[in-house]
Amino acid sequence: MECIVHFDAVHRGEGEIAKLRGLVMTEEGKKPTTPELEEMFRMMGYNVHCTNENSLVFEPDTNDGDIEELRVKKLDIGEQSYTPDMQLRAIAEQLMNKPNRPI
C-alpha cells in the first residue's frame, strides 16, 4: 500500500522551509517505520538519520549540505478524513433559520 509522506525541509542559515512529499510502500493499513522513512529520504538524495522518533525529525549525517533538518508533518495512508466546510455550514444555517414569510 502507498503512504504519502508530507514533510518540511528546513534549509540551513536562510530559514527557508520547502514543503515536499515522498512515497513509501507499506503493508495494508500500517504506517511506515523509521528505517523505511530513512530509506525513502536516501532515495530522494537526503542522507539523514532520525533524531526524534516521536515527532519524526531527521537530521543530515554530515554538515556539508544546505539542509538543517527534515520534519515529517503528515503520513497519508489513504484513510478518509472529514474536514467540515465552515462557510457552507454558515450559509446552510442562515437559510434554515429564516422564518417563512408570505410574499
PDB file of N, CA and C in Angstrom:
ATOM      1  N   MET A   1       0.841  -1.174   0.000  1.00  0.00           N
ATOM      2  CA  MET A   1       0.000   0.000   0.000  1.00  0.00           C
ATOM      3  C   MET A   1       0.890   1.242   0.000  1.00  0.00           C
ATOM      4  N   GLU A   2       0.442   2.256  -0.674  1.00  0.00           N
ATOM      5  CA  GLU A   2       1.202   3.508  -0.749  1.00  0.00           C
ATOM      6  C   GLU A   2       0.957   4.375   0.480  1.00  0.00           C
ATOM      7  N   CYS A   3       2.001   5.018   0.934  1.00  0.00           N
ATOM      8  CA  CYS A   3       1.904   6.004   2.007  1.00  0.00           C
ATOM      9  C   CYS A   3       2.588   7.269   1.513  1.00  0.00           C
ATOM     10  N   ILE A   4       1.828   8.348   1.436  1.00  0.00           N
ATOM     11  CA  ILE A   4       2.389   9.630   1.019  1.00  0.00           C
ATOM     12  C   ILE A   4       2.893  10.343   2.268  1.00  0.00           C
ATOM     13  N   VAL A   5       4.165  10.708   2.249  1.00  0.00           N
ATOM     14  CA  VAL A   5       4.812  11.356   3.390  1.00  0.00           C
ATOM     15  C   VAL A   5       4.949  12.843   3.076  1.00  0.00           C
ATOM     16  N   HIS A   6       4.264  13.674   3.845  1.00  0.00           N
ATOM     17  CA  HIS A   6       4.367  15.128   3.707  1.00  0.00           C
ATOM     18  C   HIS A   6       5.414  15.596   4.715  1.00  0.00           C
ATOM     19  N   PHE A   7       6.429  16.317   4.226  1.00  0.00           N
ATOM     20  CA  PHE A   7       7.487  16.752   5.136  1.00  0.00           C
ATOM     21  C   PHE A   7       8.005  18.129   4.749  1.00  0.00           C
ATOM     22  N   ASP A   8       8.630  18.788   5.728  1.00  0.00           N
ATOM     23  CA  ASP A   8       9.262  20.093   5.531  1.00  0.00           C
ATOM     24  C   ASP A   8      10.771  19.909   5.526  1.00  0.00           C
ATOM     25  N   ALA A   9      11.430  20.527   4.557  1.00  0.00           N
ATOM     26  CA  ALA A   9      12.892  20.547   4.504  1.00  0.00           C
ATOM     27  C   ALA A   9      13.337  21.936   4.943  1.00  0.00           C
ATOM     28  N   VAL A  10      13.986  22.014   6.104  1.00  0.00           N
ATOM     29  CA  VAL A  10      14.449  23.291   6.652  1.00  0.00           C
ATOM     30  C   VAL A  10      15.865  23.528   6.154  1.00  0.00           C
ATOM     31  N   HIS A  11      16.055  24.635   5.417  1.00  0.00           N
ATOM     32  CA  HIS A  11      17.369  24.955   4.864  1.00  0.00           C
ATOM     33  C   HIS A  11      18.208  25.697   5.894  1.00  0.00           C
ATOM     34  N   ARG A  12      19.478  25.407   5.896  1.00  0.00           N
ATOM     35  CA  ARG A  12      20.428  25.980   6.845  1.00  0.00           C
ATOM     36  C   ARG A  12      20.643  27.472   6.572  1.00  0.00           C
ATOM     37  N   GLY A  13      20.661  28.266   7.639  1.00  0.00           N
ATOM     38  CA  GLY A  13      21.004  29.681   7.537  1.00  0.00           C
ATOM     39  C   GLY A  13      19.851  30.564   7.096  1.00  0.00           C
ATOM     40  N   GLU A  14      19.238  30.262   5.963  1.00  0.00           N
ATOM     41  CA  GLU A  14      18.197  31.128   5.410  1.00  0.00           C
ATOM     42  C   GLU A  14      16.886  31.016   6.170  1.00  0.00           C
ATOM     43  N   GLY A  15      16.657  29.880   6.816  1.00  0.00           N
ATOM     44  CA  GLY A  15      15.394  29.657   7.495  1.00  0.00           C
ATOM     45  C   GLY A  15      14.272  29.320   6.533  1.00  0.00           C
ATOM     46  N   GLU A  16      14.614  29.107   5.275  1.00  0.00           N
ATOM     47  CA  GLU A  16      13.616  28.781   4.262  1.00  0.00           C
ATOM     48  C   GLU A  16      13.132  27.353   4.475  1.00  0.00           C
ATOM     49  N   ILE A  17      11.818  27.154   4.341  1.00  0.00           N
ATOM     50  CA  ILE A  17      11.225  25.835   4.524  1.00  0.00           C
ATOM     51  C   ILE A  17      10.542  25.424   3.229  1.00  0.00           C
ATOM     52  N   ALA A  18      10.941  24.270   2.709  1.00  0.00           N
ATOM     53  CA  ALA A  18      10.322  23.725   1.499  1.00  0.00           C
ATOM     54  C   ALA A  18       9.359  22.623   1.916  1.00  0.00           C
ATOM     55  N   LYS A  19       8.118  22.707   1.442  1.00  0.00           N
ATOM     56  CA  LYS A  19       7.116  21.681   1.730  1.00  0.00           C
ATOM     57  C   LYS A  19       7.172  20.651   0.614  1.00  0.00           C
ATOM     58  N   LEU A  20       7.563  19.413   0.967  1.00  0.00           N
ATOM     59  CA  LEU A  20       7.781  18.363  -0.021  1.00  0.00           C
ATOM     60  C   LEU A  20       6.986  17.113   0.335  1.00  0.00           C
ATOM     61  N   ARG A  21       6.963  16.165  -0.622  1.00  0.00           N
ATOM     62  CA  ARG A  21       6.284  14.891  -0.402  1.00  0.00           C
ATOM     63  C   ARG A  21       7.147  13.753  -0.914  1.00  0.00           C
ATOM     64  N   GLY A  22       6.983  12.604  -0.288  1.00  0.00           N
ATOM     65  CA  GLY A  22       7.661  11.391  -0.722  1.00  0.00           C
ATOM     66  C   GLY A  22       6.689  10.226  -0.667  1.00  0.00           C
ATOM     67  N   LEU A  23       7.097   9.093  -1.206  1.00  0.00           N
ATOM     68  CA  LEU A  23       6.225   7.924  -1.274  1.00  0.00           C
ATOM     69  C   LEU A  23       6.944   6.708  -0.703  1.00  0.00           C
ATOM     70  N   VAL A  24       6.257   5.989   0.184  1.00  0.00           N
ATOM     71  CA  VAL A  24       6.785   4.767   0.790  1.00  0.00           C
ATOM     72  C   VAL A  24       5.746   3.670   0.591  1.00  0.00           C
ATOM     73  N   MET A  25       6.210   2.485   0.226  1.00  0.00           N
ATOM     74  CA  MET A  25       5.312   1.339   0.112  1.00  0.00           C
ATOM     75  C   MET A  25       5.301   0.615   1.460  1.00  0.00           C
ATOM     76  N   THR A  26       4.086   0.395   2.011  1.00  0.00           N
ATOM     77  CA  THR A  26       3.940  -0.252   3.313  1.00  0.00           C
ATOM     78  C   THR A  26       2.921  -1.379   3.218  1.00  0.00           C
ATOM     79  N   GLU A  27       2.801  -2.130   4.304  1.00  0.00           N
ATOM     80  CA  GLU A  27       1.762  -3.149   4.384  1.00  0.00           C
ATOM     81  C   GLU A  27       0.411  -2.466   4.550  1.00  0.00           C
ATOM     82  N   GLU A  28      -0.639  -3.163   4.184  1.00  0.00           N
ATOM     83  CA  GLU A  28      -2.000  -2.627   4.229  1.00  0.00           C
ATOM     84  C   GLU A  28      -2.346  -2.096   5.623  1.00  0.00           C
ATOM     85  N   GLY A  29      -2.700  -0.806   5.709  1.00  0.00           N
ATOM     86  CA  GLY A  29      -3.145  -0.192   6.951  1.00  0.00           C
ATOM     87  C   GLY A  29      -2.063   0.120   7.965  1.00  0.00           C
ATOM     88  N   LYS A  30      -0.792  -0.080   7.627  1.00  0.00           N
ATOM     89  CA  LYS A  30       0.294   0.192   8.574  1.00  0.00           C
ATOM     90  C   LYS A  30       1.059   1.441   8.160  1.00  0.00           C
ATOM     91  N   LYS A  31       1.532   2.164   9.168  1.00  0.00           N
ATOM     92  CA  LYS A  31       2.352   3.345   8.906  1.00  0.00           C
ATOM     93  C   LYS A  31       3.797   2.912   8.692  1.00  0.00           C
ATOM     94  N   PRO A  32       4.565   3.693   7.931  1.00  0.00           N
ATOM     95  CA  PRO A  32       5.961   3.318   7.686  1.00  0.00           C
ATOM     96  C   PRO A  32       6.806   3.426   8.952  1.00  0.00           C
ATOM     97  N   THR A  33       7.818   2.582   9.029  1.00  0.00           N
ATOM     98  CA  THR A  33       8.736   2.603  10.166  1.00  0.00           C
ATOM     99  C   THR A  33       9.817   3.658   9.919  1.00  0.00           C
ATOM    100  N   THR A  34      10.561   3.975  10.965  1.00  0.00           N
ATOM    101  CA  THR A  34      11.643   4.954  10.841  1.00  0.00           C
ATOM    102  C   THR A  34      12.690   4.527   9.815  1.00  0.00           C
ATOM    103  N   PRO A  35      13.136   3.251   9.804  1.00  0.00           N
ATOM    104  CA  PRO A  35      14.099   2.850   8.758  1.00  0.00           C
ATOM    105  C   PRO A  35      13.531   2.976   7.339  1.00  0.00           C
ATOM    106  N   GLU A  36      12.235   2.724   7.166  1.00  0.00           N
ATOM    107  CA  GLU A  36      11.619   2.887   5.844  1.00  0.00           C
ATOM    108  C   GLU A  36      11.630   4.353   5.417  1.00  0.00           C
ATOM    109  N   LEU A  37      11.375   5.254   6.369  1.00  0.00           N
ATOM    110  CA  LEU A  37      11.419   6.684   6.058  1.00  0.00           C
ATOM    111  C   LEU A  37      12.842   7.121   5.731  1.00  0.00           C
ATOM    112  N   GLU A  38      13.823   6.628   6.501  1.00  0.00           N
ATOM    113  CA  GLU A  38      15.223   6.965   6.216  1.00  0.00           C
ATOM    114  C   GLU A  38      15.617   6.490   4.817  1.00  0.00           C
ATOM    115  N   GLU A  39      15.169   5.303   4.422  1.00  0.00           N
ATOM    116  CA  GLU A  39      15.466   4.783   3.082  1.00  0.00           C
ATOM    117  C   GLU A  39      14.807   5.643   2.001  1.00  0.00           C
ATOM    118  N   MET A  40      13.562   6.078   2.237  1.00  0.00           N
ATOM    119  CA  MET A  40      12.882   6.960   1.285  1.00  0.00           C
ATOM    120  C   MET A  40      13.673   8.257   1.105  1.00  0.00           C
ATOM    121  N   PHE A  41      14.124   8.842   2.225  1.00  0.00           N
ATOM    122  CA  PHE A  41      14.896  10.081   2.146  1.00  0.00           C
ATOM    123  C   PHE A  41      16.220   9.861   1.408  1.00  0.00           C
ATOM    124  N   ARG A  42      16.869   8.716   1.632  1.00  0.00           N
ATOM    125  CA  ARG A  42      18.122   8.416   0.921  1.00  0.00           C
ATOM    126  C   ARG A  42      17.883   8.317  -0.583  1.00  0.00           C
ATOM    127  N   MET A  43      16.769   7.697  -0.964  1.00  0.00           N
ATOM    128  CA  MET A  43      16.439   7.586  -2.388  1.00  0.00           C
ATOM    129  C   MET A  43      16.161   8.959  -3.005  1.00  0.00           C
ATOM    130  N   MET A  44      15.748   9.921  -2.171  1.00  0.00           N
ATOM    131  CA  MET A  44      15.487  11.279  -2.641  1.00  0.00           C
ATOM    132  C   MET A  44      16.745  12.143  -2.596  1.00  0.00           C
ATOM    133  N   GLY A  45      17.853  11.592  -2.100  1.00  0.00           N
ATOM    134  CA  GLY A  45      19.103  12.337  -2.060  1.00  0.00           C
ATOM    135  C   GLY A  45      19.429  12.960  -0.718  1.00  0.00           C
ATOM    136  N   TYR A  46      18.624  12.675   0.302  1.00  0.00           N
ATOM    137  CA  TYR A  46      18.886  13.189   1.643  1.00  0.00           C
ATOM    138  C   TYR A  46      19.486  12.067   2.487  1.00  0.00           C
ATOM    139  N   ASN A  47      20.742  12.185   2.877  1.00  0.00           N
ATOM    140  CA  ASN A  47      21.372  11.210   3.772  1.00  0.00           C
ATOM    141  C   ASN A  47      21.149  11.678   5.198  1.00  0.00           C
ATOM    142  N   VAL A  48      20.099  11.129   5.838  1.00  0.00           N
ATOM    143  CA  VAL A  48      19.679  11.593   7.159  1.00  0.00           C
ATOM    144  C   VAL A  48      19.498  10.417   8.106  1.00  0.00           C
ATOM    145  N   HIS A  49      19.413  10.747   9.402  1.00  0.00           N
ATOM    146  CA  HIS A  49      19.086   9.778  10.439  1.00  0.00           C
ATOM    147  C   HIS A  49      18.042  10.407  11.351  1.00  0.00           C
ATOM    148  N   CYS A  50      17.243   9.576  11.987  1.00  0.00           N
ATOM    149  CA  CYS A  50      16.169  10.063  12.853  1.00  0.00           C
ATOM    150  C   CYS A  50      16.743  10.478  14.205  1.00  0.00           C
ATOM    151  N   THR A  51      16.408  11.695  14.633  1.00  0.00           N
ATOM    152  CA  THR A  51      16.857  12.177  15.939  1.00  0.00           C
ATOM    153  C   THR A  51      15.727  12.161  16.960  1.00  0.00           C
ATOM    154  N   ASN A  52      14.483  12.135  16.483  1.00  0.00           N
ATOM    155  CA  ASN A  52      13.340  12.117  17.386  1.00  0.00           C
ATOM    156  C   ASN A  52      12.243  11.274  16.752  1.00  0.00           C
ATOM    157  N   GLU A  53      12.080  10.037  17.240  1.00  0.00           N
ATOM    158  CA  GLU A  53      11.095   9.132  16.643  1.00  0.00           C
ATOM    159  C   GLU A  53       9.664   9.543  16.948  1.00  0.00           C
ATOM    160  N   ASN A  54       9.426  10.237  18.054  1.00  0.00           N
ATOM    161  CA  ASN A  54       8.066  10.652  18.396  1.00  0.00           C
ATOM    162  C   ASN A  54       7.538  11.715  17.445  1.00  0.00           C
ATOM    163  N   SER A  55       8.360  12.701  17.120  1.00  0.00           N
ATOM    164  CA  SER A  55       7.914  13.767  16.221  1.00  0.00           C
ATOM    165  C   SER A  55       8.464  13.603  14.814  1.00  0.00           C
ATOM    166  N   LEU A  56       9.191  12.514  14.546  1.00  0.00           N
ATOM    167  CA  LEU A  56       9.747  12.198  13.226  1.00  0.00           C
ATOM    168  C   LEU A  56      10.562  13.356  12.652  1.00  0.00           C
ATOM    169  N   VAL A  57      11.630  13.701  13.372  1.00  0.00           N
ATOM    170  CA  VAL A  57      12.573  14.725  12.921  1.00  0.00           C
ATOM    171  C   VAL A  57      13.854  14.018  12.488  1.00  0.00           C
ATOM    172  N   PHE A  58      14.339  14.372  11.305  1.00  0.00           N
ATOM    173  CA  PHE A  58      15.541  13.751  10.748  1.00  0.00           C
ATOM    174  C   PHE A  58      16.587  14.824  10.511  1.00  0.00           C
ATOM    175  N   GLU A  59      17.841  14.510  10.853  1.00  0.00           N
ATOM    176  CA  GLU A  59      18.954  15.435  10.633  1.00  0.00           C
ATOM    177  C   GLU A  59      19.957  14.789   9.698  1.00  0.00           C
ATOM    178  N   PRO A  60      20.700  15.609   8.928  1.00  0.00           N
ATOM    179  CA  PRO A  60      21.677  15.045   7.988  1.00  0.00           C
ATOM    180  C   PRO A  60      22.824  14.340   8.705  1.00  0.00           C
ATOM    181  N   ASP A  61      23.377  13.323   8.021  1.00  0.00           N
ATOM    182  CA  ASP A  61      24.524  12.592   8.570  1.00  0.00           C
ATOM    183  C   ASP A  61      25.784  13.451   8.588  1.00  0.00           C
ATOM    184  N   THR A  62      25.907  14.379   7.631  1.00  0.00           N
ATOM    185  CA  THR A  62      27.058  15.288   7.561  1.00  0.00           C
ATOM    186  C   THR A  62      26.553  16.726   7.540  1.00  0.00           C
ATOM    187  N   ASN A  63      27.428  17.657   7.861  1.00  0.00           N
ATOM    188  CA  ASN A  63      27.043  19.069   7.900  1.00  0.00           C
ATOM    189  C   ASN A  63      27.407  19.826   6.634  1.00  0.00           C
ATOM    190  N   ASP A  64      27.767  19.127   5.558  1.00  0.00           N
ATOM    191  CA  ASP A  64      28.218  19.829   4.356  1.00  0.00           C
ATOM    192  C   ASP A  64      27.080  20.266   3.434  1.00  0.00           C
ATOM    193  N   GLY A  65      25.856  19.836   3.674  1.00  0.00           N
ATOM    194  CA  GLY A  65      24.733  20.209   2.812  1.00  0.00           C
ATOM    195  C   GLY A  65      24.030  21.459   3.297  1.00  0.00           C
ATOM    196  N   ASP A  66      22.985  21.856   2.563  1.00  0.00           N
ATOM    197  CA  ASP A  66      22.236  23.055   2.937  1.00  0.00           C
ATOM    198  C   ASP A  66      20.979  22.725   3.736  1.00  0.00           C
ATOM    199  N   ILE A  67      20.751  21.446   4.045  1.00  0.00           N
ATOM    200  CA  ILE A  67      19.572  21.047   4.810  1.00  0.00           C
ATOM    201  C   ILE A  67      19.923  20.960   6.290  1.00  0.00           C
ATOM    202  N   GLU A  68      19.129  21.650   7.115  1.00  0.00           N
ATOM    203  CA  GLU A  68      19.329  21.602   8.562  1.00  0.00           C
ATOM    204  C   GLU A  68      18.599  20.411   9.168  1.00  0.00           C
ATOM    205  N   GLU A  69      17.319  20.210   8.759  1.00  0.00           N
ATOM    206  CA  GLU A  69      16.555  19.061   9.231  1.00  0.00           C
ATOM    207  C   GLU A  69      15.351  18.826   8.340  1.00  0.00           C
ATOM    208  N   LEU A  70      14.807  17.617   8.424  1.00  0.00           N
ATOM    209  CA  LEU A  70      13.578  17.241   7.736  1.00  0.00           C
ATOM    210  C   LEU A  70      12.550  16.901   8.804  1.00  0.00           C
ATOM    211  N   ARG A  71      11.360  17.498   8.701  1.00  0.00           N
ATOM    212  CA  ARG A  71      10.298  17.263   9.685  1.00  0.00           C
ATOM    213  C   ARG A  71       9.100  16.629   8.982  1.00  0.00           C
ATOM    214  N   VAL A  72       8.736  15.421   9.375  1.00  0.00           N
ATOM    215  CA  VAL A  72       7.560  14.767   8.802  1.00  0.00           C
ATOM    216  C   VAL A  72       6.324  15.397   9.426  1.00  0.00           C
ATOM    217  N   LYS A  73       5.429  15.900   8.580  1.00  0.00           N
ATOM    218  CA  LYS A  73       4.226  16.579   9.051  1.00  0.00           C
ATOM    219  C   LYS A  73       2.991  15.692   9.019  1.00  0.00           C
ATOM    220  N   LYS A  74       2.910  14.815   7.995  1.00  0.00           N
ATOM    221  CA  LYS A  74       1.701  14.010   7.843  1.00  0.00           C
ATOM    222  C   LYS A  74       2.040  12.724   7.111  1.00  0.00           C
ATOM    223  N   LEU A  75       1.442  11.623   7.559  1.00  0.00           N
ATOM    224  CA  LEU A  75       1.559  10.339   6.882  1.00  0.00           C
ATOM    225  C   LEU A  75       0.177   9.995   6.341  1.00  0.00           C
ATOM    226  N   ASP A  76       0.026  10.013   5.037  1.00  0.00           N
ATOM    227  CA  ASP A  76      -1.263   9.765   4.392  1.00  0.00           C
ATOM    228  C   ASP A  76      -1.285   8.327   3.891  1.00  0.00           C
ATOM    229  N   ILE A  77      -2.005   7.455   4.630  1.00  0.00           N
ATOM    230  CA  ILE A  77      -2.075   6.048   4.231  1.00  0.00           C
ATOM    231  C   ILE A  77      -3.410   5.717   3.584  1.00  0.00           C
ATOM    232  N   GLY A  78      -4.096   6.728   3.103  1.00  0.00           N
ATOM    233  CA  GLY A  78      -5.329   6.507   2.363  1.00  0.00           C
ATOM    234  C   GLY A  78      -6.583   6.516   3.208  1.00  0.00           C
ATOM    235  N   GLU A  79      -6.474   6.823   4.475  1.00  0.00           N
ATOM    236  CA  GLU A  79      -7.667   6.906   5.307  1.00  0.00           C
ATOM    237  C   GLU A  79      -8.443   8.157   4.931  1.00  0.00           C
ATOM    238  N   GLN A  80      -9.747   8.015   4.873  1.00  0.00           N
ATOM    239  CA  GLN A  80     -10.561   9.178   4.557  1.00  0.00           C
ATOM    240  C   GLN A  80     -10.642  10.069   5.781  1.00  0.00           C
ATOM    241  N   SER A  81     -10.475  11.347   5.548  1.00  0.00           N
ATOM    242  CA  SER A  81     -10.591  12.296   6.647  1.00  0.00           C
ATOM    243  C   SER A  81     -11.665  13.312   6.291  1.00  0.00           C
ATOM    244  N   TYR A  82     -12.445  13.696   7.265  1.00  0.00           N
ATOM    245  CA  TYR A  82     -13.533  14.637   7.058  1.00  0.00           C
ATOM    246  C   TYR A  82     -13.112  15.995   7.586  1.00  0.00           C
ATOM    247  N   THR A  83     -13.189  16.985   6.726  1.00  0.00           N
ATOM    248  CA  THR A  83     -12.902  18.352   7.121  1.00  0.00           C
ATOM    249  C   THR A  83     -14.163  19.169   6.893  1.00  0.00           C
ATOM    250  N   PRO A  84     -14.777  19.671   7.954  1.00  0.00           N
ATOM    251  CA  PRO A  84     -16.018  20.416   7.767  1.00  0.00           C
ATOM    252  C   PRO A  84     -15.773  21.734   7.040  1.00  0.00           C
ATOM    253  N   ASP A  85     -16.696  22.072   6.154  1.00  0.00           N
ATOM    254  CA  ASP A  85     -16.635  23.331   5.424  1.00  0.00           C
ATOM    255  C   ASP A  85     -17.455  24.349   6.211  1.00  0.00           C
ATOM    256  N   MET A  86     -16.784  25.205   6.951  1.00  0.00           N
ATOM    257  CA  MET A  86     -17.468  26.143   7.843  1.00  0.00           C
ATOM    258  C   MET A  86     -18.281  27.185   7.085  1.00  0.00           C
ATOM    259  N   GLN A  87     -17.811  27.607   5.921  1.00  0.00           N
ATOM    260  CA  GLN A  87     -18.560  28.594   5.140  1.00  0.00           C
ATOM    261  C   GLN A  87     -19.861  27.995   4.619  1.00  0.00           C
ATOM    262  N   LEU A  88     -19.805  26.770   4.118  1.00  0.00           N
ATOM    263  CA  LEU A  88     -21.010  26.103   3.637  1.00  0.00           C
ATOM    264  C   LEU A  88     -21.990  25.887   4.778  1.00  0.00           C
ATOM    265  N   ARG A  89     -21.488  25.536   5.931  1.00  0.00           N
ATOM    266  CA  ARG A  89     -22.355  25.328   7.092  1.00  0.00           C
ATOM    267  C   ARG A  89     -23.040  26.635   7.505  1.00  0.00           C
ATOM    268  N   ALA A  90     -22.307  27.746   7.497  1.00  0.00           N
ATOM    269  CA  ALA A  90     -22.885  29.040   7.871  1.00  0.00           C
ATOM    270  C   ALA A  90     -23.992  29.443   6.905  1.00  0.00           C
ATOM    271  N   ILE A  91     -23.780  29.221   5.621  1.00  0.00           N
ATOM    272  CA  ILE A  91     -24.810  29.548   4.625  1.00  0.00           C
ATOM    273  C   ILE A  91     -26.047  28.687   4.847  1.00  0.00           C
ATOM    274  N   ALA A  92     -25.857  27.397   5.070  1.00  0.00           N
ATOM    275  CA  ALA A  92     -26.991  26.496   5.289  1.00  0.00           C
ATOM    276  C   ALA A  92     -27.761  26.879   6.545  1.00  0.00           C
ATOM    277  N   GLU A  93     -27.067  27.241   7.614  1.00  0.00           N
ATOM    278  CA  GLU A  93     -27.745  27.642   8.846  1.00  0.00           C
ATOM    279  C   GLU A  93     -28.539  28.919   8.653  1.00  0.00           C
ATOM    280  N   GLN A  94     -28.019  29.867   7.890  1.00  0.00           N
ATOM    281  CA  GLN A  94     -28.754  31.104   7.630  1.00  0.00           C
ATOM    282  C   GLN A  94     -30.021  30.833   6.841  1.00  0.00           C
ATOM    283  N   LEU A  95     -29.940  29.970   5.854  1.00  0.00           N
ATOM    284  CA  LEU A  95     -31.113  29.661   5.044  1.00  0.00           C
ATOM    285  C   LEU A  95     -32.153  28.880   5.836  1.00  0.00           C
ATOM    286  N   MET A  96     -31.729  28.026   6.728  1.00  0.00           N
ATOM    287  CA  MET A  96     -32.663  27.215   7.506  1.00  0.00           C
ATOM    288  C   MET A  96     -33.317  28.015   8.625  1.00  0.00           C
ATOM    289  N   ASN A  97     -32.696  29.051   9.132  1.00  0.00           N
ATOM    290  CA  ASN A  97     -33.225  29.821  10.252  1.00  0.00           C
ATOM    291  C   ASN A  97     -34.169  30.936   9.831  1.00  0.00           C
ATOM    292  N   LYS A  98     -34.313  31.220   8.545  1.00  0.00           N
ATOM    293  CA  LYS A  98     -35.202  32.300   8.118  1.00  0.00           C
ATOM    294  C   LYS A  98     -36.653  31.867   8.310  1.00  0.00           C
ATOM    295  N   PRO A  99     -37.466  32.735   8.922  1.00  0.00           N
ATOM    296  CA  PRO A  99     -38.885  32.384   9.089  1.00  0.00           C
ATOM    297  C   PRO A  99     -39.588  32.405   7.729  1.00  0.00           C
ATOM    298  N   ASN A 100     -40.624  31.598   7.642  1.00  0.00           N
ATOM    299  CA  ASN A 100     -41.407  31.585   6.403  1.00  0.00           C
ATOM    300  C   ASN A 100     -42.245  32.849   6.345  1.00  0.00           C
ATOM    301  N   ARG A 101     -41.961  33.691   5.390  1.00  0.00           N
ATOM    302  CA  ARG A 101     -42.704  34.943   5.232  1.00  0.00           C
ATOM    303  C   ARG A 101     -43.539  34.865   3.963  1.00  0.00           C
ATOM    304  N   PRO A 102     -44.772  35.317   4.018  1.00  0.00           N
ATOM    305  CA  PRO A 102     -45.574  35.334   2.788  1.00  0.00           C
ATOM    306  C   PRO A 102     -45.040  36.390   1.830  1.00  0.00           C
ATOM    307  N   ILE A 103     -45.106  36.100   0.597  1.00  0.00           N
ATOM    308  CA  ILE A 103     -44.596  37.029  -0.415  1.00  0.00           C
ATOM    309  C   ILE A 103     -45.657  37.989  -0.851  1.00  0.00           C
TER     310      ILE A 103
END
